[in-house]
Amino acid sequence: MARAVSLVGDFNGWDPTAHPMHRTPDGAWLLKVELRHGHHRYAFWVDGVLTLDPRAQGVTRNDQGERVSLIAVS
């Protein structure tokens, strides 16, 4: 079970301290972030490991060539 999860992406400079997620009583991780219109690359930073979102709309690569998740915001 994860001990710490953050949302990282092109919208926060891939900074794991920018958007820490909070664990809900049922064990899920939650965070609300307003994103601008367009496509955004992102991932979860789970206990120090870059992790894809299993529910992502797509998969792409970040500037370091790592596989990351993709979301379209309209």
N, C-alpha and C. Protein backbone atom coordinates (compact mmCIF):
# COMPACT_ATOMS: atom_id res chain seq x y z
N MET A 1 0.84 -1.18 0.00
CA MET A 1 0.00 0.00 0.00
C MET A 1 0.89 1.25 0.00
N ALA A 2 0.52 2.22 -0.81
CA ALA A 2 1.29 3.46 -0.92
C ALA A 2 1.24 4.25 0.38
N ARG A 3 2.36 4.92 0.68
CA ARG A 3 2.42 5.77 1.87
C ARG A 3 2.27 7.24 1.50
N ALA A 4 2.72 7.63 0.29
CA ALA A 4 2.62 9.03 -0.14
C ALA A 4 2.41 9.05 -1.65
N VAL A 5 1.44 9.86 -2.10
CA VAL A 5 1.14 9.99 -3.52
C VAL A 5 1.00 11.47 -3.86
N SER A 6 1.62 11.87 -4.96
CA SER A 6 1.50 13.23 -5.46
C SER A 6 1.14 13.18 -6.93
N LEU A 7 0.52 14.25 -7.42
CA LEU A 7 0.24 14.40 -8.84
C LEU A 7 1.33 15.28 -9.44
N VAL A 8 1.99 14.78 -10.46
CA VAL A 8 3.03 15.54 -11.16
C VAL A 8 2.66 15.65 -12.63
N GLY A 9 3.11 16.72 -13.27
CA GLY A 9 2.80 16.87 -14.68
C GLY A 9 3.36 18.14 -15.26
N ASP A 10 3.06 18.35 -16.55
CA ASP A 10 3.55 19.55 -17.21
C ASP A 10 2.96 20.83 -16.64
N PHE A 11 1.87 20.72 -15.90
CA PHE A 11 1.19 21.87 -15.30
C PHE A 11 1.83 22.31 -13.98
N ASN A 12 2.74 21.51 -13.42
CA ASN A 12 3.41 21.90 -12.18
C ASN A 12 4.92 21.66 -12.22
N GLY A 13 5.47 21.59 -13.43
CA GLY A 13 6.92 21.39 -13.57
C GLY A 13 7.41 20.04 -13.09
N TRP A 14 6.52 19.06 -13.03
CA TRP A 14 6.84 17.69 -12.58
C TRP A 14 7.39 17.71 -11.15
N ASP A 15 6.88 18.64 -10.34
CA ASP A 15 7.34 18.81 -8.96
C ASP A 15 6.49 17.96 -8.01
N PRO A 16 7.07 16.93 -7.40
CA PRO A 16 6.30 16.05 -6.52
C PRO A 16 5.81 16.72 -5.24
N THR A 17 6.29 17.91 -4.92
CA THR A 17 5.82 18.61 -3.73
C THR A 17 4.68 19.58 -4.04
N ALA A 18 4.39 19.80 -5.32
CA ALA A 18 3.39 20.81 -5.70
C ALA A 18 1.95 20.37 -5.45
N HIS A 19 1.63 19.11 -5.67
CA HIS A 19 0.25 18.64 -5.54
C HIS A 19 0.18 17.30 -4.79
N PRO A 20 0.45 17.32 -3.47
CA PRO A 20 0.31 16.06 -2.72
C PRO A 20 -1.15 15.64 -2.65
N MET A 21 -1.39 14.37 -2.75
CA MET A 21 -2.75 13.84 -2.68
C MET A 21 -3.05 13.42 -1.25
N HIS A 22 -4.34 13.33 -0.95
CA HIS A 22 -4.78 12.98 0.40
C HIS A 22 -5.54 11.66 0.36
N ARG A 23 -5.27 10.81 1.34
CA ARG A 23 -5.95 9.52 1.42
C ARG A 23 -7.30 9.70 2.09
N THR A 24 -8.32 9.14 1.46
CA THR A 24 -9.67 9.21 2.02
C THR A 24 -9.86 8.04 3.00
N PRO A 25 -10.89 8.10 3.83
CA PRO A 25 -11.11 7.01 4.79
C PRO A 25 -11.22 5.62 4.16
N ASP A 26 -11.70 5.55 2.91
CA ASP A 26 -11.81 4.24 2.26
C ASP A 26 -10.51 3.78 1.59
N GLY A 27 -9.43 4.59 1.74
CA GLY A 27 -8.12 4.20 1.21
C GLY A 27 -7.79 4.75 -0.16
N ALA A 28 -8.74 5.42 -0.82
CA ALA A 28 -8.47 6.01 -2.13
C ALA A 28 -7.65 7.30 -1.95
N TRP A 29 -6.95 7.70 -3.01
CA TRP A 29 -6.18 8.94 -3.00
C TRP A 29 -6.95 9.97 -3.80
N LEU A 30 -7.03 11.22 -3.29
CA LEU A 30 -7.88 12.24 -3.89
C LEU A 30 -7.17 13.58 -3.95
N LEU A 31 -7.42 14.30 -5.05
CA LEU A 31 -6.92 15.66 -5.21
C LEU A 31 -7.71 16.31 -6.34
N LYS A 32 -8.11 17.55 -6.16
CA LYS A 32 -8.77 18.30 -7.22
C LYS A 32 -7.81 19.37 -7.71
N VAL A 33 -7.63 19.43 -9.04
CA VAL A 33 -6.74 20.40 -9.66
C VAL A 33 -7.46 20.97 -10.87
N GLU A 34 -7.50 22.29 -10.98
CA GLU A 34 -8.07 22.92 -12.16
C GLU A 34 -6.99 22.99 -13.24
N LEU A 35 -7.32 22.46 -14.42
CA LEU A 35 -6.38 22.47 -15.53
C LEU A 35 -6.92 23.32 -16.67
N ARG A 36 -6.03 23.97 -17.37
CA ARG A 36 -6.43 24.77 -18.52
C ARG A 36 -6.79 23.88 -19.70
N HIS A 37 -7.53 24.44 -20.62
CA HIS A 37 -7.94 23.76 -21.85
C HIS A 37 -6.70 23.21 -22.57
N GLY A 38 -6.81 22.01 -23.09
CA GLY A 38 -5.71 21.42 -23.85
C GLY A 38 -5.35 20.03 -23.37
N HIS A 39 -4.23 19.53 -23.86
CA HIS A 39 -3.73 18.21 -23.47
C HIS A 39 -2.66 18.38 -22.40
N HIS A 40 -2.69 17.53 -21.41
CA HIS A 40 -1.73 17.59 -20.31
C HIS A 40 -1.11 16.22 -20.09
N ARG A 41 0.22 16.22 -19.93
CA ARG A 41 0.94 15.02 -19.56
C ARG A 41 1.05 14.99 -18.05
N TYR A 42 0.86 13.82 -17.44
CA TYR A 42 0.90 13.72 -15.98
C TYR A 42 1.20 12.30 -15.55
N ALA A 43 1.46 12.15 -14.27
CA ALA A 43 1.64 10.82 -13.67
C ALA A 43 1.44 10.97 -12.17
N PHE A 44 1.41 9.86 -11.49
CA PHE A 44 1.38 9.86 -10.03
C PHE A 44 2.79 9.56 -9.54
N TRP A 45 3.22 10.25 -8.52
CA TRP A 45 4.50 10.03 -7.86
C TRP A 45 4.18 9.22 -6.61
N VAL A 46 4.34 7.91 -6.69
CA VAL A 46 3.94 7.00 -5.62
C VAL A 46 5.18 6.52 -4.88
N ASP A 47 5.33 6.98 -3.64
CA ASP A 47 6.50 6.60 -2.82
C ASP A 47 7.80 6.76 -3.60
N GLY A 48 7.91 7.86 -4.35
CA GLY A 48 9.14 8.16 -5.08
C GLY A 48 9.27 7.52 -6.45
N VAL A 49 8.21 6.87 -6.93
CA VAL A 49 8.25 6.18 -8.22
C VAL A 49 7.20 6.79 -9.16
N LEU A 50 7.61 7.20 -10.35
CA LEU A 50 6.70 7.71 -11.36
C LEU A 50 5.79 6.58 -11.82
N THR A 51 4.47 6.79 -11.72
CA THR A 51 3.51 5.72 -11.96
C THR A 51 2.41 6.20 -12.90
N LEU A 52 2.12 5.41 -13.92
CA LEU A 52 1.04 5.75 -14.85
C LEU A 52 -0.32 5.65 -14.17
N ASP A 53 -1.27 6.44 -14.68
CA ASP A 53 -2.66 6.38 -14.22
C ASP A 53 -3.35 5.26 -15.00
N PRO A 54 -3.82 4.22 -14.32
CA PRO A 54 -4.46 3.11 -15.04
C PRO A 54 -5.77 3.53 -15.72
N ARG A 55 -6.31 4.69 -15.36
CA ARG A 55 -7.56 5.18 -15.97
C ARG A 55 -7.31 6.35 -16.93
N ALA A 56 -6.08 6.53 -17.35
CA ALA A 56 -5.74 7.66 -18.24
C ALA A 56 -6.41 7.52 -19.59
N GLN A 57 -6.59 8.66 -20.25
CA GLN A 57 -7.16 8.68 -21.60
C GLN A 57 -6.14 8.21 -22.63
N GLY A 58 -4.87 8.31 -22.30
CA GLY A 58 -3.82 7.89 -23.22
C GLY A 58 -2.48 7.85 -22.52
N VAL A 59 -1.46 7.41 -23.25
CA VAL A 59 -0.10 7.34 -22.73
C VAL A 59 0.81 8.03 -23.74
N THR A 60 1.76 8.81 -23.24
CA THR A 60 2.72 9.51 -24.08
C THR A 60 4.05 9.51 -23.34
N ARG A 61 4.97 10.37 -23.73
CA ARG A 61 6.27 10.46 -23.06
C ARG A 61 6.52 11.88 -22.60
N ASN A 62 7.23 12.03 -21.48
CA ASN A 62 7.62 13.35 -21.02
C ASN A 62 8.93 13.76 -21.69
N ASP A 63 9.48 14.90 -21.32
CA ASP A 63 10.70 15.40 -21.96
C ASP A 63 11.92 14.53 -21.68
N GLN A 64 11.85 13.67 -20.66
CA GLN A 64 12.94 12.75 -20.36
C GLN A 64 12.73 11.39 -21.03
N GLY A 65 11.68 11.25 -21.81
CA GLY A 65 11.40 10.00 -22.51
C GLY A 65 10.67 8.95 -21.68
N GLU A 66 10.25 9.34 -20.47
CA GLU A 66 9.52 8.38 -19.61
C GLU A 66 8.08 8.31 -20.03
N ARG A 67 7.50 7.12 -19.93
CA ARG A 67 6.07 6.96 -20.23
C ARG A 67 5.24 7.63 -19.15
N VAL A 68 4.30 8.48 -19.59
CA VAL A 68 3.43 9.20 -18.67
C VAL A 68 2.00 9.17 -19.21
N SER A 69 1.06 9.54 -18.38
CA SER A 69 -0.36 9.54 -18.75
C SER A 69 -0.72 10.83 -19.47
N LEU A 70 -1.83 10.79 -20.20
CA LEU A 70 -2.29 11.94 -20.99
C LEU A 70 -3.76 12.16 -20.73
N ILE A 71 -4.14 13.44 -20.56
CA ILE A 71 -5.54 13.81 -20.41
C ILE A 71 -5.84 15.01 -21.29
N ALA A 72 -7.02 15.02 -21.90
CA ALA A 72 -7.49 16.15 -22.70
C ALA A 72 -8.55 16.90 -21.88
N VAL A 73 -8.38 18.20 -21.75
CA VAL A 73 -9.32 19.04 -21.01
C VAL A 73 -9.98 19.98 -22.00
N SER A 74 -11.32 19.99 -21.99
CA SER A 74 -12.01 20.91 -22.91
C SER A 74 -12.94 21.84 -22.15
